[in-house]
Amino acid sequence: MRSLNTSQRTQRGAVLLVSLVILLILTLFSVSAMQSTTIDMRMAVNKQARQQAFQAAEAALAVVENQLQNDNITTEFLQDCASGSSTCYEATCAGALCFTGTYNAGTDQYDCETISGSPPPEKVWRDSALDVWNNAAKHKTVRLNAVDNEVKYIIEFICYTERGDGSIFDASSPNNGVPLFRITALATSDNNKARIMLQSTYRYNE
């Protein structure tokens, strides 16, 4: 009888040990599944945030391009603009209107030049000294339904280019060009988890 009781106790101990091991394995599986679900949810939220910001930036570019085309762009907004002027394109990007180059009054369109370098200083959207995105005087905003946050943008004048109709624009026809602009839009998702910057190059149609 004592031998039987000992055997039963041993079996019960073995069953308990196996049960504990199985419980531990199930617990590990559950924790792993929960972590995986949490990661998947975070990835989905981040993806949605990026997509939201991307759509907002893309829509902002279209809005600004339309506004730019409706503006009456004349040489007074492009030549010899005073530093800090918010109504024409100059190096400090006042009023979100940027131009890092030379285009002197009285010269031909073909003489307009942007400054080159390494890195090119005309890339004002990433110039830490200008800091266009944190200085409200150096960018403009547009509000869209895509996001609650306003989308920031700047417009750069990058001299003149061909009209696109086959006409000649060179030293022999130095004033037969049209202004070329680069628009940079910076959008932030509603949850501030994603920031997307997009650019478009826009040829003004006279």
N, C-alpha and C. Protein backbone atom coordinates (compact mmCIF):
# COMPACT_ATOMS: atom_id res chain seq x y z
N MET A 1 0.84 -1.19 0.00
CA MET A 1 0.00 0.00 0.00
C MET A 1 0.89 1.26 0.00
N ARG A 2 1.98 1.21 0.79
CA ARG A 2 2.88 2.36 0.83
C ARG A 2 3.53 2.59 -0.54
N SER A 3 3.89 1.49 -1.24
CA SER A 3 4.51 1.60 -2.56
C SER A 3 3.55 2.23 -3.55
N LEU A 4 2.26 1.85 -3.45
CA LEU A 4 1.24 2.40 -4.34
C LEU A 4 1.06 3.89 -4.08
N ASN A 5 1.02 4.30 -2.82
CA ASN A 5 0.87 5.71 -2.50
C ASN A 5 2.05 6.53 -3.01
N THR A 6 3.25 5.97 -2.86
CA THR A 6 4.45 6.67 -3.36
C THR A 6 4.38 6.82 -4.87
N SER A 7 3.95 5.77 -5.56
CA SER A 7 3.85 5.82 -7.02
C SER A 7 2.82 6.85 -7.46
N GLN A 8 1.69 6.91 -6.74
CA GLN A 8 0.64 7.87 -7.07
C GLN A 8 1.14 9.31 -6.88
N ARG A 9 1.87 9.49 -5.75
CA ARG A 9 2.40 10.83 -5.50
C ARG A 9 3.40 11.24 -6.57
N THR A 10 4.21 10.26 -7.02
CA THR A 10 5.20 10.54 -8.08
C THR A 10 4.50 10.91 -9.37
N GLN A 11 3.43 10.14 -9.70
CA GLN A 11 2.68 10.41 -10.93
C GLN A 11 2.02 11.80 -10.87
N ARG A 12 1.43 12.07 -9.68
CA ARG A 12 0.80 13.38 -9.53
C ARG A 12 1.82 14.51 -9.67
N GLY A 13 3.01 14.31 -9.10
CA GLY A 13 4.07 15.32 -9.23
C GLY A 13 4.50 15.51 -10.67
N ALA A 14 4.57 14.38 -11.40
CA ALA A 14 4.96 14.46 -12.81
C ALA A 14 3.89 15.18 -13.63
N VAL A 15 2.61 14.87 -13.35
CA VAL A 15 1.50 15.54 -14.05
C VAL A 15 1.52 17.05 -13.77
N LEU A 16 1.78 17.40 -12.50
CA LEU A 16 1.84 18.81 -12.12
C LEU A 16 2.98 19.52 -12.85
N LEU A 17 4.13 18.84 -12.91
CA LEU A 17 5.28 19.43 -13.60
C LEU A 17 5.00 19.65 -15.08
N VAL A 18 4.40 18.61 -15.71
CA VAL A 18 4.06 18.72 -17.14
C VAL A 18 3.04 19.84 -17.34
N SER A 19 2.08 19.92 -16.44
CA SER A 19 1.06 20.97 -16.56
C SER A 19 1.67 22.36 -16.45
N LEU A 20 2.61 22.50 -15.51
CA LEU A 20 3.29 23.78 -15.36
C LEU A 20 4.09 24.14 -16.61
N VAL A 21 4.76 23.14 -17.19
CA VAL A 21 5.54 23.39 -18.41
C VAL A 21 4.62 23.81 -19.55
N ILE A 22 3.50 23.11 -19.69
CA ILE A 22 2.52 23.45 -20.74
C ILE A 22 1.96 24.85 -20.52
N LEU A 23 1.66 25.16 -19.25
CA LEU A 23 1.14 26.49 -18.93
C LEU A 23 2.16 27.56 -19.26
N LEU A 24 3.44 27.27 -18.95
CA LEU A 24 4.49 28.22 -19.26
C LEU A 24 4.60 28.45 -20.76
N ILE A 25 4.54 27.36 -21.52
CA ILE A 25 4.62 27.47 -22.99
C ILE A 25 3.45 28.28 -23.54
N LEU A 26 2.23 28.00 -23.02
CA LEU A 26 1.05 28.74 -23.47
C LEU A 26 1.17 30.22 -23.12
N THR A 27 1.71 30.49 -21.93
CA THR A 27 1.90 31.88 -21.52
C THR A 27 2.87 32.61 -22.45
N LEU A 28 3.97 31.93 -22.78
CA LEU A 28 4.95 32.52 -23.69
C LEU A 28 4.34 32.79 -25.06
N PHE A 29 3.56 31.82 -25.55
CA PHE A 29 2.87 32.00 -26.84
C PHE A 29 1.92 33.20 -26.79
N SER A 30 1.20 33.32 -25.68
CA SER A 30 0.22 34.41 -25.53
C SER A 30 0.92 35.76 -25.51
N VAL A 31 2.02 35.84 -24.72
CA VAL A 31 2.78 37.09 -24.65
C VAL A 31 3.35 37.45 -26.01
N SER A 32 3.88 36.45 -26.71
CA SER A 32 4.45 36.69 -28.04
C SER A 32 3.38 37.18 -29.01
N ALA A 33 2.20 36.56 -28.94
CA ALA A 33 1.10 36.95 -29.82
C ALA A 33 0.65 38.38 -29.52
N MET A 34 0.59 38.72 -28.22
CA MET A 34 0.20 40.08 -27.86
C MET A 34 1.22 41.10 -28.34
N GLN A 35 2.50 40.78 -28.19
CA GLN A 35 3.55 41.69 -28.65
C GLN A 35 3.48 41.86 -30.16
N SER A 36 3.25 40.74 -30.85
CA SER A 36 3.15 40.81 -32.31
C SER A 36 1.96 41.66 -32.74
N THR A 37 0.84 41.49 -32.04
CA THR A 37 -0.36 42.29 -32.35
C THR A 37 -0.10 43.77 -32.10
N THR A 38 0.59 44.06 -30.99
CA THR A 38 0.90 45.46 -30.67
C THR A 38 1.80 46.08 -31.73
N ILE A 39 2.81 45.31 -32.15
CA ILE A 39 3.71 45.80 -33.20
C ILE A 39 2.96 46.03 -34.50
N ASP A 40 2.08 45.08 -34.85
CA ASP A 40 1.28 45.21 -36.08
C ASP A 40 0.40 46.46 -36.02
N MET A 41 -0.19 46.70 -34.85
CA MET A 41 -1.05 47.88 -34.70
C MET A 41 -0.24 49.17 -34.84
N ARG A 42 0.95 49.18 -34.24
CA ARG A 42 1.79 50.37 -34.34
C ARG A 42 2.21 50.60 -35.79
N MET A 43 2.55 49.52 -36.48
CA MET A 43 2.95 49.65 -37.88
C MET A 43 1.78 50.18 -38.72
N ALA A 44 0.58 49.68 -38.44
CA ALA A 44 -0.60 50.13 -39.18
C ALA A 44 -0.88 51.61 -38.92
N VAL A 45 -0.74 52.01 -37.65
CA VAL A 45 -0.97 53.42 -37.29
C VAL A 45 0.06 54.32 -37.95
N ASN A 46 1.33 53.88 -37.93
CA ASN A 46 2.40 54.67 -38.55
C ASN A 46 2.22 54.76 -40.06
N LYS A 47 1.82 53.64 -40.66
CA LYS A 47 1.58 53.64 -42.11
C LYS A 47 0.44 54.59 -42.47
N GLN A 48 -0.61 54.55 -41.68
CA GLN A 48 -1.75 55.45 -41.92
C GLN A 48 -1.33 56.91 -41.74
N ALA A 49 -0.50 57.16 -40.73
CA ALA A 49 -0.03 58.53 -40.50
C ALA A 49 0.82 59.02 -41.66
N ARG A 50 1.72 58.17 -42.17
CA ARG A 50 2.56 58.55 -43.31
C ARG A 50 1.71 58.81 -44.55
N GLN A 51 0.73 57.94 -44.76
CA GLN A 51 -0.14 58.11 -45.92
C GLN A 51 -0.94 59.40 -45.82
N GLN A 52 -1.42 59.69 -44.63
CA GLN A 52 -2.19 60.91 -44.41
C GLN A 52 -1.34 62.15 -44.67
N ALA A 53 -0.12 62.15 -44.13
CA ALA A 53 0.78 63.29 -44.34
C ALA A 53 1.17 63.41 -45.81
N PHE A 54 1.41 62.27 -46.46
CA PHE A 54 1.78 62.29 -47.89
C PHE A 54 0.66 62.91 -48.73
N GLN A 55 -0.56 62.49 -48.48
CA GLN A 55 -1.70 63.01 -49.24
C GLN A 55 -1.87 64.51 -49.00
N ALA A 56 -1.64 64.94 -47.77
CA ALA A 56 -1.76 66.37 -47.45
C ALA A 56 -0.70 67.18 -48.17
N ALA A 57 0.54 66.69 -48.16
CA ALA A 57 1.63 67.40 -48.84
C ALA A 57 1.39 67.46 -50.34
N GLU A 58 0.91 66.35 -50.90
CA GLU A 58 0.63 66.29 -52.33
C GLU A 58 -0.49 67.26 -52.71
N ALA A 59 -1.53 67.31 -51.90
CA ALA A 59 -2.64 68.23 -52.16
C ALA A 59 -2.18 69.68 -52.03
N ALA A 60 -1.31 69.94 -51.06
CA ALA A 60 -0.81 71.30 -50.86
C ALA A 60 -0.02 71.77 -52.07
N LEU A 61 0.78 70.89 -52.66
CA LEU A 61 1.54 71.27 -53.86
C LEU A 61 0.60 71.70 -54.98
N ALA A 62 -0.49 70.96 -55.16
CA ALA A 62 -1.45 71.30 -56.21
C ALA A 62 -2.10 72.65 -55.94
N VAL A 63 -2.44 72.91 -54.68
CA VAL A 63 -3.06 74.18 -54.32
C VAL A 63 -2.10 75.34 -54.57
N VAL A 64 -0.84 75.18 -54.16
CA VAL A 64 0.14 76.26 -54.31
C VAL A 64 0.47 76.49 -55.78
N GLU A 65 0.57 75.42 -56.55
CA GLU A 65 0.81 75.57 -57.99
C GLU A 65 -0.30 76.38 -58.63
N ASN A 66 -1.53 76.11 -58.26
CA ASN A 66 -2.66 76.86 -58.81
C ASN A 66 -2.61 78.33 -58.39
N GLN A 67 -2.28 78.57 -57.12
CA GLN A 67 -2.15 79.94 -56.63
C GLN A 67 -1.03 80.67 -57.36
N LEU A 68 0.09 79.97 -57.55
CA LEU A 68 1.24 80.57 -58.22
C LEU A 68 0.90 80.96 -59.65
N GLN A 69 0.19 80.09 -60.34
CA GLN A 69 -0.18 80.39 -61.72
C GLN A 69 -1.12 81.59 -61.80
N ASN A 70 -1.95 81.77 -60.80
CA ASN A 70 -2.89 82.88 -60.79
C ASN A 70 -2.24 84.21 -60.39
N ASP A 71 -1.02 84.13 -59.83
CA ASP A 71 -0.31 85.36 -59.48
C ASP A 71 0.23 86.04 -60.75
N ASN A 72 0.35 87.34 -60.69
CA ASN A 72 0.91 88.09 -61.80
C ASN A 72 2.41 88.22 -61.58
N ILE A 73 3.18 87.22 -62.05
CA ILE A 73 4.61 87.19 -61.83
C ILE A 73 5.31 88.09 -62.84
N THR A 74 5.89 89.17 -62.39
CA THR A 74 6.65 90.07 -63.25
C THR A 74 8.06 90.21 -62.69
N THR A 75 8.92 90.84 -63.46
CA THR A 75 10.34 90.92 -63.06
C THR A 75 10.54 91.67 -61.76
N GLU A 76 9.61 92.53 -61.38
CA GLU A 76 9.78 93.28 -60.13
C GLU A 76 9.78 92.36 -58.91
N PHE A 77 9.19 91.18 -59.06
CA PHE A 77 9.19 90.21 -57.96
C PHE A 77 10.42 89.30 -57.99
N LEU A 78 11.25 89.46 -59.04
CA LEU A 78 12.35 88.52 -59.25
C LEU A 78 13.71 89.18 -59.28
N GLN A 79 13.80 90.43 -59.70
CA GLN A 79 15.08 91.10 -59.86
C GLN A 79 15.43 91.99 -58.67
N ASP A 80 16.68 91.86 -58.21
CA ASP A 80 17.22 92.77 -57.19
C ASP A 80 16.26 93.04 -56.03
N CYS A 81 15.70 91.99 -55.47
CA CYS A 81 14.78 92.16 -54.34
C CYS A 81 15.56 92.52 -53.08
N ALA A 82 15.03 93.43 -52.33
CA ALA A 82 15.70 93.84 -51.09
C ALA A 82 15.65 92.71 -50.07
N SER A 83 16.74 92.56 -49.32
CA SER A 83 16.80 91.52 -48.29
C SER A 83 15.71 91.75 -47.24
N GLY A 84 14.97 90.70 -46.93
CA GLY A 84 13.92 90.80 -45.94
C GLY A 84 12.57 91.19 -46.50
N SER A 85 12.50 91.45 -47.80
CA SER A 85 11.22 91.80 -48.40
C SER A 85 10.35 90.56 -48.50
N SER A 86 9.11 90.67 -48.08
CA SER A 86 8.21 89.51 -48.08
C SER A 86 7.31 89.47 -49.32
N THR A 87 7.57 90.37 -50.26
CA THR A 87 6.72 90.43 -51.45
C THR A 87 7.45 90.03 -52.73
N CYS A 88 8.74 89.70 -52.62
CA CYS A 88 9.47 89.23 -53.79
C CYS A 88 10.51 88.19 -53.37
N TYR A 89 11.07 87.52 -54.35
CA TYR A 89 11.94 86.36 -54.11
C TYR A 89 13.36 86.80 -53.80
N GLU A 90 13.84 86.47 -52.60
CA GLU A 90 15.19 86.85 -52.20
C GLU A 90 15.77 85.83 -51.23
N ALA A 91 17.02 86.03 -50.83
CA ALA A 91 17.79 84.98 -50.17
C ALA A 91 17.34 84.62 -48.77
N THR A 92 16.67 85.54 -48.05
CA THR A 92 16.28 85.22 -46.67
C THR A 92 14.95 84.46 -46.60
N CYS A 93 14.29 84.28 -47.74
CA CYS A 93 13.01 83.56 -47.80
C CYS A 93 11.89 84.26 -47.02
N ALA A 94 12.00 85.56 -46.85
CA ALA A 94 10.93 86.28 -46.17
C ALA A 94 9.63 86.10 -46.95
N GLY A 95 8.56 85.83 -46.22
CA GLY A 95 7.27 85.60 -46.87
C GLY A 95 7.20 84.31 -47.65
N ALA A 96 8.13 83.38 -47.39
CA ALA A 96 8.19 82.06 -48.05
C ALA A 96 8.61 82.15 -49.50
N LEU A 97 9.13 83.30 -49.93
CA LEU A 97 9.58 83.50 -51.32
C LEU A 97 11.11 83.52 -51.34
N CYS A 98 11.70 82.50 -51.94
CA CYS A 98 13.15 82.30 -51.86
C CYS A 98 13.83 82.43 -53.22
N PHE A 99 15.03 82.99 -53.21
CA PHE A 99 15.88 82.99 -54.41
C PHE A 99 17.32 83.18 -53.97
N THR A 100 18.14 82.17 -54.21
CA THR A 100 19.57 82.27 -53.92
C THR A 100 20.30 82.28 -55.26
N GLY A 101 20.49 83.46 -55.78
CA GLY A 101 21.14 83.60 -57.07
C GLY A 101 21.31 85.06 -57.42
N THR A 102 21.60 85.32 -58.67
CA THR A 102 21.77 86.69 -59.15
C THR A 102 20.89 86.92 -60.36
N TYR A 103 20.11 87.99 -60.29
CA TYR A 103 19.30 88.41 -61.43
C TYR A 103 19.13 89.92 -61.29
N ASN A 104 20.06 90.64 -61.86
CA ASN A 104 20.12 92.08 -61.68
C ASN A 104 19.14 92.81 -62.59
N ALA A 105 18.62 93.90 -62.09
CA ALA A 105 17.69 94.72 -62.86
C ALA A 105 18.35 95.18 -64.15
N GLY A 106 17.61 95.09 -65.24
CA GLY A 106 18.12 95.52 -66.53
C GLY A 106 18.81 94.43 -67.32
N THR A 107 19.08 93.29 -66.70
CA THR A 107 19.73 92.19 -67.43
C THR A 107 18.68 91.28 -68.05
N ASP A 108 19.13 90.43 -68.96
CA ASP A 108 18.23 89.51 -69.64
C ASP A 108 17.87 88.33 -68.76
N GLN A 109 16.76 87.70 -69.11
CA GLN A 109 16.35 86.48 -68.39
C GLN A 109 17.45 85.43 -68.45
N TYR A 110 18.12 85.34 -69.56
CA TYR A 110 19.15 84.32 -69.76
C TYR A 110 20.36 84.53 -68.84
N ASP A 111 20.49 85.75 -68.30
CA ASP A 111 21.60 86.06 -67.39
C ASP A 111 21.33 85.63 -65.95
N CYS A 112 20.08 85.26 -65.67
CA CYS A 112 19.72 84.83 -64.32
C CYS A 112 20.48 83.56 -63.96
N GLU A 113 21.05 83.52 -62.75
CA GLU A 113 21.83 82.36 -62.32
C GLU A 113 21.52 82.03 -60.87
N THR A 114 21.41 80.75 -60.58
CA THR A 114 21.33 80.31 -59.19
C THR A 114 22.74 80.00 -58.70
N ILE A 115 22.94 80.12 -57.41
CA ILE A 115 24.25 79.86 -56.83
C ILE A 115 24.45 78.35 -56.72
N SER A 116 25.63 77.88 -57.07
CA SER A 116 25.93 76.46 -56.95
C SER A 116 26.99 76.25 -55.88
N GLY A 117 27.08 75.03 -55.39
CA GLY A 117 28.06 74.72 -54.36
C GLY A 117 27.86 73.30 -53.88
N SER A 118 28.54 72.91 -52.84
CA SER A 118 28.41 71.57 -52.28
C SER A 118 28.37 71.65 -50.76
N PRO A 119 27.20 71.43 -50.12
CA PRO A 119 25.90 71.22 -50.78
C PRO A 119 25.39 72.53 -51.37
N PRO A 120 24.56 72.44 -52.41
CA PRO A 120 24.07 73.66 -53.04
C PRO A 120 23.33 74.54 -52.04
N PRO A 121 23.72 75.80 -51.89
CA PRO A 121 23.06 76.67 -50.92
C PRO A 121 21.62 76.99 -51.30
N GLU A 122 21.25 76.72 -52.57
CA GLU A 122 19.87 77.01 -52.95
C GLU A 122 18.88 76.00 -52.35
N LYS A 123 19.38 74.95 -51.72
CA LYS A 123 18.49 73.99 -51.08
C LYS A 123 18.07 74.54 -49.72
N VAL A 124 17.26 75.56 -49.79
CA VAL A 124 16.92 76.30 -48.58
C VAL A 124 16.03 75.51 -47.63
N TRP A 125 15.34 74.51 -48.13
CA TRP A 125 14.44 73.75 -47.26
C TRP A 125 15.19 72.96 -46.20
N ARG A 126 16.49 72.77 -46.37
CA ARG A 126 17.26 72.03 -45.36
C ARG A 126 18.39 72.88 -44.77
N ASP A 127 18.38 74.16 -45.03
CA ASP A 127 19.42 75.05 -44.51
C ASP A 127 19.13 75.39 -43.06
N SER A 128 19.97 74.93 -42.16
CA SER A 128 19.74 75.14 -40.72
C SER A 128 19.85 76.61 -40.34
N ALA A 129 20.63 77.38 -41.10
CA ALA A 129 20.77 78.80 -40.78
C ALA A 129 19.49 79.57 -41.12
N LEU A 130 18.87 79.23 -42.25
CA LEU A 130 17.61 79.88 -42.62
C LEU A 130 16.47 79.41 -41.73
N ASP A 131 16.45 78.08 -41.45
CA ASP A 131 15.44 77.50 -40.55
C ASP A 131 14.03 77.89 -40.99
N VAL A 132 13.73 77.65 -42.26
CA VAL A 132 12.45 78.13 -42.80
C VAL A 132 11.24 77.47 -42.15
N TRP A 133 11.37 76.25 -41.65
CA TRP A 133 10.20 75.53 -41.14
C TRP A 133 9.82 75.95 -39.72
N ASN A 134 10.76 76.48 -38.97
CA ASN A 134 10.45 76.90 -37.61
C ASN A 134 10.24 78.40 -37.48
N ASN A 135 10.48 79.12 -38.55
CA ASN A 135 10.31 80.57 -38.55
C ASN A 135 9.05 80.91 -39.36
N ALA A 136 8.02 81.36 -38.67
CA ALA A 136 6.74 81.63 -39.33
C ALA A 136 6.83 82.72 -40.39
N ALA A 137 7.86 83.56 -40.32
CA ALA A 137 8.02 84.62 -41.31
C ALA A 137 8.64 84.11 -42.61
N LYS A 138 9.10 82.84 -42.60
CA LYS A 138 9.81 82.32 -43.77
C LYS A 138 9.07 81.17 -44.45
N HIS A 139 7.88 80.87 -44.02
CA HIS A 139 7.06 79.90 -44.73
C HIS A 139 5.61 80.33 -44.66
N LYS A 140 4.81 79.78 -45.55
CA LYS A 140 3.38 80.01 -45.52
C LYS A 140 2.68 78.69 -45.23
N THR A 141 1.40 78.75 -44.95
CA THR A 141 0.65 77.54 -44.63
C THR A 141 -0.64 77.48 -45.44
N VAL A 142 -1.10 76.28 -45.62
CA VAL A 142 -2.39 76.06 -46.26
C VAL A 142 -3.10 74.97 -45.47
N ARG A 143 -4.38 75.16 -45.21
CA ARG A 143 -5.15 74.18 -44.45
C ARG A 143 -5.97 73.33 -45.40
N LEU A 144 -5.87 72.01 -45.21
CA LEU A 144 -6.58 71.07 -46.07
C LEU A 144 -7.43 70.14 -45.22
N ASN A 145 -8.40 69.51 -45.85
CA ASN A 145 -9.25 68.57 -45.12
C ASN A 145 -8.51 67.29 -44.77
N ALA A 146 -7.40 67.02 -45.46
CA ALA A 146 -6.69 65.76 -45.26
C ALA A 146 -6.11 65.64 -43.85
N VAL A 147 -5.68 66.75 -43.26
CA VAL A 147 -5.10 66.73 -41.92
C VAL A 147 -5.60 67.95 -41.14
N ASP A 148 -5.55 67.81 -39.81
CA ASP A 148 -5.92 68.94 -38.95
C ASP A 148 -4.82 69.99 -38.93
N ASN A 149 -3.56 69.54 -39.04
CA ASN A 149 -2.43 70.46 -39.01
C ASN A 149 -2.31 71.21 -40.33
N GLU A 150 -1.91 72.46 -40.27
CA GLU A 150 -1.67 73.22 -41.49
C GLU A 150 -0.40 72.70 -42.17
N VAL A 151 -0.42 72.68 -43.49
CA VAL A 151 0.74 72.25 -44.27
C VAL A 151 1.61 73.48 -44.56
N LYS A 152 2.89 73.39 -44.24
CA LYS A 152 3.81 74.49 -44.47
C LYS A 152 4.40 74.37 -45.88
N TYR A 153 4.73 75.52 -46.48
CA TYR A 153 5.36 75.47 -47.79
C TYR A 153 6.21 76.71 -48.05
N ILE A 154 7.17 76.54 -48.96
CA ILE A 154 7.97 77.65 -49.47
C ILE A 154 8.01 77.55 -50.98
N ILE A 155 8.28 78.68 -51.64
CA ILE A 155 8.40 78.72 -53.10
C ILE A 155 9.76 79.30 -53.44
N GLU A 156 10.52 78.60 -54.27
CA GLU A 156 11.83 79.08 -54.71
C GLU A 156 11.79 79.44 -56.20
N PHE A 157 12.31 80.59 -56.51
CA PHE A 157 12.52 80.98 -57.90
C PHE A 157 13.87 80.40 -58.32
N ILE A 158 13.88 79.62 -59.38
CA ILE A 158 15.14 79.02 -59.85
C ILE A 158 15.42 79.42 -61.29
N CYS A 159 15.26 80.72 -61.54
CA CYS A 159 15.55 81.35 -62.81
C CYS A 159 14.56 80.93 -63.91
N TYR A 160 15.03 81.03 -65.16
CA TYR A 160 14.11 80.85 -66.29
C TYR A 160 14.42 79.57 -67.05
N THR A 161 13.43 79.13 -67.80
CA THR A 161 13.57 77.93 -68.61
C THR A 161 12.80 78.10 -69.91
N GLU A 162 12.92 77.10 -70.79
CA GLU A 162 12.20 77.15 -72.06
C GLU A 162 10.70 77.16 -71.83
N ARG A 163 9.99 77.70 -72.80
CA ARG A 163 8.54 77.78 -72.69
C ARG A 163 7.85 76.43 -72.87
N GLY A 164 8.52 75.51 -73.52
CA GLY A 164 7.92 74.20 -73.74
C GLY A 164 7.09 74.11 -75.00
N ASP A 165 7.14 75.16 -75.81
CA ASP A 165 6.37 75.15 -77.06
C ASP A 165 7.27 75.04 -78.29
N GLY A 166 8.55 74.70 -78.05
CA GLY A 166 9.49 74.56 -79.15
C GLY A 166 10.24 75.84 -79.49
N SER A 167 9.90 76.93 -78.83
CA SER A 167 10.58 78.19 -79.12
C SER A 167 11.97 78.19 -78.50
N ILE A 168 12.83 79.04 -79.03
CA ILE A 168 14.23 79.08 -78.62
C ILE A 168 14.42 80.00 -77.41
N PHE A 169 15.18 79.50 -76.44
CA PHE A 169 15.59 80.32 -75.30
C PHE A 169 17.07 80.10 -75.07
N ASP A 170 17.87 81.00 -75.62
CA ASP A 170 19.31 80.93 -75.45
C ASP A 170 19.87 82.34 -75.60
N ALA A 171 21.18 82.45 -75.79
CA ALA A 171 21.82 83.76 -75.88
C ALA A 171 21.28 84.57 -77.05
N SER A 172 20.79 83.89 -78.08
CA SER A 172 20.24 84.62 -79.23
C SER A 172 18.82 85.10 -78.98
N SER A 173 18.12 84.47 -78.06
CA SER A 173 16.76 84.89 -77.65
C SER A 173 16.71 84.91 -76.13
N PRO A 174 17.42 85.88 -75.52
CA PRO A 174 17.66 85.83 -74.07
C PRO A 174 16.46 86.18 -73.20
N ASN A 175 15.37 86.63 -73.79
CA ASN A 175 14.20 86.99 -72.99
C ASN A 175 12.96 86.22 -73.42
N ASN A 176 13.20 85.03 -73.92
CA ASN A 176 12.09 84.20 -74.38
C ASN A 176 11.82 83.04 -73.43
N GLY A 177 12.18 83.22 -72.17
CA GLY A 177 11.96 82.16 -71.19
C GLY A 177 10.75 82.43 -70.32
N VAL A 178 10.49 81.50 -69.44
CA VAL A 178 9.42 81.65 -68.44
C VAL A 178 9.99 81.29 -67.08
N PRO A 179 9.48 81.90 -66.00
CA PRO A 179 10.00 81.60 -64.66
C PRO A 179 9.78 80.14 -64.27
N LEU A 180 10.77 79.59 -63.61
CA LEU A 180 10.71 78.22 -63.10
C LEU A 180 10.77 78.27 -61.58
N PHE A 181 9.90 77.53 -60.94
CA PHE A 181 9.81 77.56 -59.48
C PHE A 181 9.90 76.14 -58.92
N ARG A 182 10.39 76.05 -57.70
CA ARG A 182 10.36 74.80 -56.95
C ARG A 182 9.53 75.04 -55.69
N ILE A 183 8.53 74.20 -55.51
CA ILE A 183 7.66 74.32 -54.34
C ILE A 183 7.97 73.16 -53.40
N THR A 184 8.17 73.47 -52.14
CA THR A 184 8.42 72.44 -51.13
C THR A 184 7.33 72.51 -50.07
N ALA A 185 6.66 71.40 -49.84
CA ALA A 185 5.57 71.33 -48.85
C ALA A 185 5.96 70.36 -47.74
N LEU A 186 5.67 70.74 -46.51
CA LEU A 186 5.95 69.90 -45.34
C LEU A 186 4.65 69.68 -44.58
N ALA A 187 4.22 68.43 -44.52
CA ALA A 187 2.96 68.08 -43.86
C ALA A 187 3.22 67.17 -42.67
N THR A 188 2.41 67.35 -41.62
CA THR A 188 2.49 66.52 -40.42
C THR A 188 1.14 65.86 -40.18
N SER A 189 1.15 64.57 -39.85
CA SER A 189 -0.09 63.83 -39.63
C SER A 189 -0.79 64.34 -38.37
N ASP A 190 -2.07 63.98 -38.22
CA ASP A 190 -2.84 64.45 -37.07
C ASP A 190 -2.24 64.02 -35.74
N ASN A 191 -1.68 62.80 -35.71
CA ASN A 191 -1.11 62.32 -34.45
C ASN A 191 0.36 62.71 -34.29
N ASN A 192 0.86 63.52 -35.22
CA ASN A 192 2.25 64.01 -35.18
C ASN A 192 3.28 62.89 -35.23
N LYS A 193 2.88 61.72 -35.73
CA LYS A 193 3.79 60.58 -35.83
C LYS A 193 4.57 60.58 -37.13
N ALA A 194 4.08 61.32 -38.13
CA ALA A 194 4.74 61.30 -39.43
C ALA A 194 4.85 62.70 -39.99
N ARG A 195 6.01 62.99 -40.60
CA ARG A 195 6.22 64.24 -41.32
C ARG A 195 6.70 63.89 -42.72
N ILE A 196 6.04 64.45 -43.71
CA ILE A 196 6.37 64.16 -45.10
C ILE A 196 6.68 65.47 -45.81
N MET A 197 7.79 65.48 -46.54
CA MET A 197 8.16 66.64 -47.35
C MET A 197 8.14 66.23 -48.81
N LEU A 198 7.40 66.99 -49.62
CA LEU A 198 7.34 66.74 -51.05
C LEU A 198 7.70 68.01 -51.80
N GLN A 199 8.19 67.82 -53.03
CA GLN A 199 8.55 68.95 -53.87
C GLN A 199 7.98 68.79 -55.27
N SER A 200 7.73 69.91 -55.90
CA SER A 200 7.38 69.90 -57.32
C SER A 200 8.10 71.06 -57.99
N THR A 201 8.46 70.88 -59.24
CA THR A 201 9.04 71.94 -60.04
C THR A 201 7.97 72.44 -60.99
N TYR A 202 7.72 73.74 -60.95
CA TYR A 202 6.59 74.28 -61.69
C TYR A 202 7.04 75.37 -62.66
N ARG A 203 6.68 75.19 -63.92
CA ARG A 203 6.99 76.19 -64.95
C ARG A 203 5.78 77.11 -65.10
N TYR A 204 6.03 78.38 -64.85
CA TYR A 204 4.95 79.37 -64.92
C TYR A 204 4.56 79.60 -66.38
N ASN A 205 3.27 79.60 -66.64
CA ASN A 205 2.77 79.81 -68.00
C ASN A 205 2.25 81.23 -68.15
N GLU A 206 2.91 82.00 -68.98
CA GLU A 206 2.50 83.38 -69.18
C GLU A 206 1.32 83.46 -70.13
